[in-house]
Amino acid sequence: MNTAFGNSTGYRIGYGYMNQTMFTFLPLIVLTVFNILLVRVVVGAARQRQTMTFAGDMASASAGDQQRITVMLICVVVVFIVCQVTVLSQIPQIKFC
């Protein structure tokens, strides 16, 4: 059942832009901000770990594993952001009406 409000051009355009904002732009911005914060923490922890540990220490190997996992997570998020940006570049071509 279609209503006059649902068929209005304003609703279709507004819904399209709101949908894009909520499900594309907002997650992209949040992921980018949190990823930048995560990179800063990983770099700071690596510097601190380098000054505090010795090369042969067992804790150093465990911390290195954790750092590799964190770097892998950062890479996955960066790939996701790149994929989202390619979708964002197609938005001017999408017709909402």
N, C-alpha and C. Protein backbone atom coordinates (compact mmCIF):
# COMPACT_ATOMS: atom_id res chain seq x y z
N MET A 1 0.84 -1.16 0.00
CA MET A 1 0.00 0.00 0.00
C MET A 1 0.90 1.24 0.00
N ASN A 2 0.75 2.09 -0.94
CA ASN A 2 1.53 3.32 -1.06
C ASN A 2 0.72 4.48 -0.51
N THR A 3 1.39 5.33 0.23
CA THR A 3 0.75 6.54 0.76
C THR A 3 1.27 7.75 0.00
N ALA A 4 0.60 8.86 0.18
CA ALA A 4 1.03 10.10 -0.48
C ALA A 4 2.40 10.52 0.04
N PHE A 5 2.62 10.33 1.34
CA PHE A 5 3.91 10.70 1.92
C PHE A 5 5.02 9.80 1.37
N GLY A 6 4.76 8.50 1.27
CA GLY A 6 5.75 7.56 0.75
C GLY A 6 6.07 7.80 -0.71
N ASN A 7 5.13 8.33 -1.46
CA ASN A 7 5.35 8.60 -2.89
C ASN A 7 5.95 9.98 -3.15
N SER A 8 6.04 10.81 -2.11
CA SER A 8 6.53 12.17 -2.32
C SER A 8 8.03 12.16 -2.64
N THR A 9 8.43 13.08 -3.48
CA THR A 9 9.83 13.19 -3.89
C THR A 9 10.71 13.57 -2.71
N GLY A 10 10.22 14.45 -1.86
CA GLY A 10 10.99 14.87 -0.68
C GLY A 10 11.33 13.70 0.22
N TYR A 11 10.37 12.80 0.43
CA TYR A 11 10.62 11.64 1.27
C TYR A 11 11.66 10.73 0.63
N ARG A 12 11.52 10.46 -0.66
CA ARG A 12 12.45 9.55 -1.33
C ARG A 12 13.87 10.10 -1.34
N ILE A 13 14.01 11.40 -1.59
CA ILE A 13 15.34 12.01 -1.59
C ILE A 13 15.91 12.06 -0.17
N GLY A 14 15.09 12.51 0.78
CA GLY A 14 15.53 12.59 2.17
C GLY A 14 15.90 11.23 2.74
N TYR A 15 15.10 10.22 2.44
CA TYR A 15 15.40 8.87 2.91
C TYR A 15 16.69 8.35 2.29
N GLY A 16 16.91 8.62 1.02
CA GLY A 16 18.12 8.16 0.35
C GLY A 16 19.37 8.77 0.97
N TYR A 17 19.33 10.08 1.20
CA TYR A 17 20.50 10.74 1.79
C TYR A 17 20.69 10.34 3.26
N MET A 18 19.61 10.20 3.99
CA MET A 18 19.72 9.78 5.39
C MET A 18 20.26 8.36 5.47
N ASN A 19 19.80 7.51 4.59
CA ASN A 19 20.26 6.13 4.54
C ASN A 19 21.76 6.08 4.23
N GLN A 20 22.20 6.85 3.27
CA GLN A 20 23.63 6.89 2.93
C GLN A 20 24.44 7.43 4.09
N THR A 21 23.93 8.45 4.75
CA THR A 21 24.66 9.04 5.88
C THR A 21 24.78 8.05 7.03
N MET A 22 23.70 7.42 7.38
CA MET A 22 23.70 6.52 8.54
C MET A 22 24.48 5.23 8.30
N PHE A 23 24.44 4.70 7.10
CA PHE A 23 25.03 3.39 6.86
C PHE A 23 26.32 3.43 6.05
N THR A 24 26.75 4.61 5.60
CA THR A 24 27.99 4.69 4.85
C THR A 24 28.94 5.72 5.46
N PHE A 25 28.52 6.98 5.52
CA PHE A 25 29.41 8.03 6.00
C PHE A 25 29.74 7.90 7.48
N LEU A 26 28.72 7.71 8.31
CA LEU A 26 28.94 7.65 9.75
C LEU A 26 29.84 6.48 10.15
N PRO A 27 29.60 5.25 9.67
CA PRO A 27 30.54 4.17 10.02
C PRO A 27 31.94 4.42 9.49
N LEU A 28 32.05 5.01 8.32
CA LEU A 28 33.37 5.31 7.77
C LEU A 28 34.13 6.30 8.64
N ILE A 29 33.46 7.33 9.10
CA ILE A 29 34.09 8.31 9.97
C ILE A 29 34.49 7.69 11.30
N VAL A 30 33.59 6.91 11.89
CA VAL A 30 33.88 6.27 13.18
C VAL A 30 35.05 5.30 13.04
N LEU A 31 35.05 4.49 12.01
CA LEU A 31 36.16 3.55 11.79
C LEU A 31 37.48 4.29 11.58
N THR A 32 37.46 5.36 10.84
CA THR A 32 38.68 6.11 10.59
C THR A 32 39.23 6.70 11.89
N VAL A 33 38.37 7.30 12.69
CA VAL A 33 38.81 7.91 13.95
C VAL A 33 39.37 6.85 14.88
N PHE A 34 38.64 5.75 15.07
CA PHE A 34 39.12 4.71 15.98
C PHE A 34 40.38 4.03 15.46
N ASN A 35 40.50 3.91 14.16
CA ASN A 35 41.70 3.31 13.59
C ASN A 35 42.91 4.22 13.81
N ILE A 36 42.73 5.51 13.66
CA ILE A 36 43.83 6.45 13.92
C ILE A 36 44.26 6.36 15.39
N LEU A 37 43.28 6.31 16.29
CA LEU A 37 43.61 6.18 17.71
C LEU A 37 44.34 4.87 17.99
N LEU A 38 43.91 3.80 17.36
CA LEU A 38 44.54 2.50 17.55
C LEU A 38 45.98 2.50 17.03
N VAL A 39 46.22 3.11 15.90
CA VAL A 39 47.57 3.19 15.35
C VAL A 39 48.47 3.98 16.29
N ARG A 40 47.96 5.07 16.83
CA ARG A 40 48.76 5.87 17.76
C ARG A 40 49.14 5.06 19.00
N VAL A 41 48.21 4.28 19.53
CA VAL A 41 48.48 3.46 20.71
C VAL A 41 49.50 2.37 20.37
N VAL A 42 49.36 1.73 19.22
CA VAL A 42 50.28 0.66 18.84
C VAL A 42 51.69 1.22 18.66
N VAL A 43 51.83 2.36 18.02
CA VAL A 43 53.15 2.96 17.83
C VAL A 43 53.76 3.34 19.17
N GLY A 44 52.96 3.93 20.05
CA GLY A 44 53.45 4.30 21.37
C GLY A 44 53.85 3.08 22.20
N ALA A 45 53.07 2.02 22.12
CA ALA A 45 53.40 0.79 22.85
C ALA A 45 54.66 0.14 22.30
N ALA A 46 54.84 0.19 21.00
CA ALA A 46 56.06 -0.38 20.40
C ALA A 46 57.28 0.39 20.86
N ARG A 47 57.19 1.70 20.92
CA ARG A 47 58.33 2.51 21.39
C ARG A 47 58.63 2.21 22.86
N GLN A 48 57.58 2.14 23.66
CA GLN A 48 57.77 1.86 25.08
C GLN A 48 58.33 0.46 25.29
N ARG A 49 57.83 -0.50 24.56
CA ARG A 49 58.30 -1.88 24.67
C ARG A 49 59.78 -1.98 24.27
N GLN A 50 60.16 -1.23 23.27
CA GLN A 50 61.53 -1.26 22.80
C GLN A 50 62.50 -0.73 23.86
N THR A 51 62.07 0.26 24.59
CA THR A 51 62.95 0.81 25.62
C THR A 51 62.95 -0.02 26.90
N MET A 52 61.91 -0.81 27.14
CA MET A 52 61.78 -1.52 28.40
C MET A 52 62.23 -2.98 28.37
N THR A 53 62.28 -3.60 27.22
CA THR A 53 62.56 -5.03 27.16
C THR A 53 63.90 -5.32 26.52
N PHE A 54 64.36 -6.53 26.77
CA PHE A 54 65.58 -7.03 26.14
C PHE A 54 65.19 -7.92 24.98
N ALA A 55 66.09 -8.12 24.04
CA ALA A 55 65.79 -8.89 22.82
C ALA A 55 65.45 -10.35 23.14
N GLY A 56 66.04 -10.94 24.14
CA GLY A 56 65.81 -12.36 24.43
C GLY A 56 64.70 -12.65 25.41
N ASP A 57 63.98 -11.66 25.83
CA ASP A 57 62.95 -11.82 26.84
C ASP A 57 61.73 -12.54 26.27
N MET A 58 61.14 -13.48 27.02
CA MET A 58 59.96 -14.22 26.56
C MET A 58 58.73 -13.31 26.47
N ALA A 59 58.62 -12.36 27.37
CA ALA A 59 57.48 -11.44 27.33
C ALA A 59 57.52 -10.61 26.05
N SER A 60 58.70 -10.36 25.55
CA SER A 60 58.85 -9.59 24.32
C SER A 60 58.25 -10.34 23.13
N ALA A 61 58.42 -11.67 23.11
CA ALA A 61 57.85 -12.47 22.01
C ALA A 61 56.34 -12.45 22.06
N SER A 62 55.77 -12.56 23.25
CA SER A 62 54.32 -12.52 23.40
C SER A 62 53.77 -11.15 23.01
N ALA A 63 54.46 -10.10 23.42
CA ALA A 63 54.02 -8.75 23.07
C ALA A 63 54.14 -8.53 21.57
N GLY A 64 55.17 -9.12 20.95
CA GLY A 64 55.31 -9.00 19.49
C GLY A 64 54.17 -9.67 18.76
N ASP A 65 53.71 -10.82 19.28
CA ASP A 65 52.56 -11.51 18.68
C ASP A 65 51.31 -10.66 18.79
N GLN A 66 51.11 -10.05 19.95
CA GLN A 66 49.94 -9.19 20.13
C GLN A 66 50.01 -7.99 19.19
N GLN A 67 51.20 -7.46 19.01
CA GLN A 67 51.34 -6.31 18.12
C GLN A 67 51.06 -6.71 16.68
N ARG A 68 51.51 -7.91 16.26
CA ARG A 68 51.23 -8.36 14.89
C ARG A 68 49.74 -8.55 14.67
N ILE A 69 49.04 -9.07 15.67
CA ILE A 69 47.59 -9.24 15.55
C ILE A 69 46.90 -7.88 15.44
N THR A 70 47.36 -6.92 16.23
CA THR A 70 46.77 -5.58 16.16
C THR A 70 47.03 -4.94 14.81
N VAL A 71 48.22 -5.10 14.28
CA VAL A 71 48.54 -4.55 12.96
C VAL A 71 47.68 -5.21 11.89
N MET A 72 47.44 -6.51 12.02
CA MET A 72 46.58 -7.20 11.06
C MET A 72 45.15 -6.64 11.14
N LEU A 73 44.66 -6.37 12.35
CA LEU A 73 43.34 -5.79 12.50
C LEU A 73 43.28 -4.41 11.84
N ILE A 74 44.32 -3.63 12.02
CA ILE A 74 44.38 -2.32 11.39
C ILE A 74 44.34 -2.46 9.87
N CYS A 75 45.06 -3.43 9.33
CA CYS A 75 45.07 -3.64 7.87
C CYS A 75 43.68 -4.03 7.37
N VAL A 76 42.97 -4.87 8.11
CA VAL A 76 41.62 -5.27 7.71
C VAL A 76 40.70 -4.05 7.68
N VAL A 77 40.81 -3.20 8.69
CA VAL A 77 39.96 -2.01 8.73
C VAL A 77 40.32 -1.05 7.59
N VAL A 78 41.60 -0.92 7.27
CA VAL A 78 42.01 -0.05 6.16
C VAL A 78 41.46 -0.58 4.84
N VAL A 79 41.50 -1.89 4.64
CA VAL A 79 40.93 -2.47 3.41
C VAL A 79 39.43 -2.20 3.35
N PHE A 80 38.74 -2.33 4.49
CA PHE A 80 37.31 -2.04 4.52
C PHE A 80 37.05 -0.58 4.16
N ILE A 81 37.86 0.32 4.71
CA ILE A 81 37.68 1.75 4.42
C ILE A 81 37.92 2.02 2.94
N VAL A 82 38.92 1.40 2.35
CA VAL A 82 39.18 1.57 0.91
C VAL A 82 37.98 1.09 0.10
N CYS A 83 37.41 -0.04 0.49
CA CYS A 83 36.23 -0.55 -0.23
C CYS A 83 35.04 0.39 -0.08
N GLN A 84 34.86 0.95 1.11
CA GLN A 84 33.75 1.88 1.32
C GLN A 84 33.95 3.17 0.52
N VAL A 85 35.17 3.64 0.42
CA VAL A 85 35.43 4.86 -0.34
C VAL A 85 35.11 4.66 -1.82
N THR A 86 35.37 3.46 -2.34
CA THR A 86 35.01 3.22 -3.74
C THR A 86 33.51 3.26 -3.93
N VAL A 87 32.75 2.82 -2.94
CA VAL A 87 31.29 2.92 -3.02
C VAL A 87 30.87 4.37 -2.93
N LEU A 88 31.53 5.13 -2.05
CA LEU A 88 31.19 6.55 -1.90
C LEU A 88 31.45 7.33 -3.18
N SER A 89 32.43 6.93 -3.95
CA SER A 89 32.72 7.63 -5.19
C SER A 89 31.62 7.43 -6.22
N GLN A 90 30.76 6.44 -6.03
CA GLN A 90 29.68 6.18 -6.97
C GLN A 90 28.38 6.85 -6.57
N ILE A 91 28.34 7.49 -5.41
CA ILE A 91 27.09 8.10 -4.92
C ILE A 91 26.53 9.14 -5.88
N PRO A 92 27.34 10.02 -6.51
CA PRO A 92 26.73 10.98 -7.43
C PRO A 92 25.99 10.30 -8.59
N GLN A 93 26.33 9.06 -8.90
CA GLN A 93 25.69 8.36 -10.00
C GLN A 93 24.39 7.67 -9.56
N ILE A 94 24.17 7.54 -8.25
CA ILE A 94 22.99 6.84 -7.74
C ILE A 94 21.81 7.80 -7.76
N LYS A 95 20.70 7.33 -8.28
CA LYS A 95 19.48 8.13 -8.31
C LYS A 95 18.60 7.72 -7.14
N PHE A 96 18.25 8.67 -6.27
CA PHE A 96 17.43 8.36 -5.12
C PHE A 96 15.94 8.47 -5.44
N CYS A 97 15.57 9.17 -6.49
CA CYS A 97 14.15 9.34 -6.81
C CYS A 97 13.72 8.32 -7.82
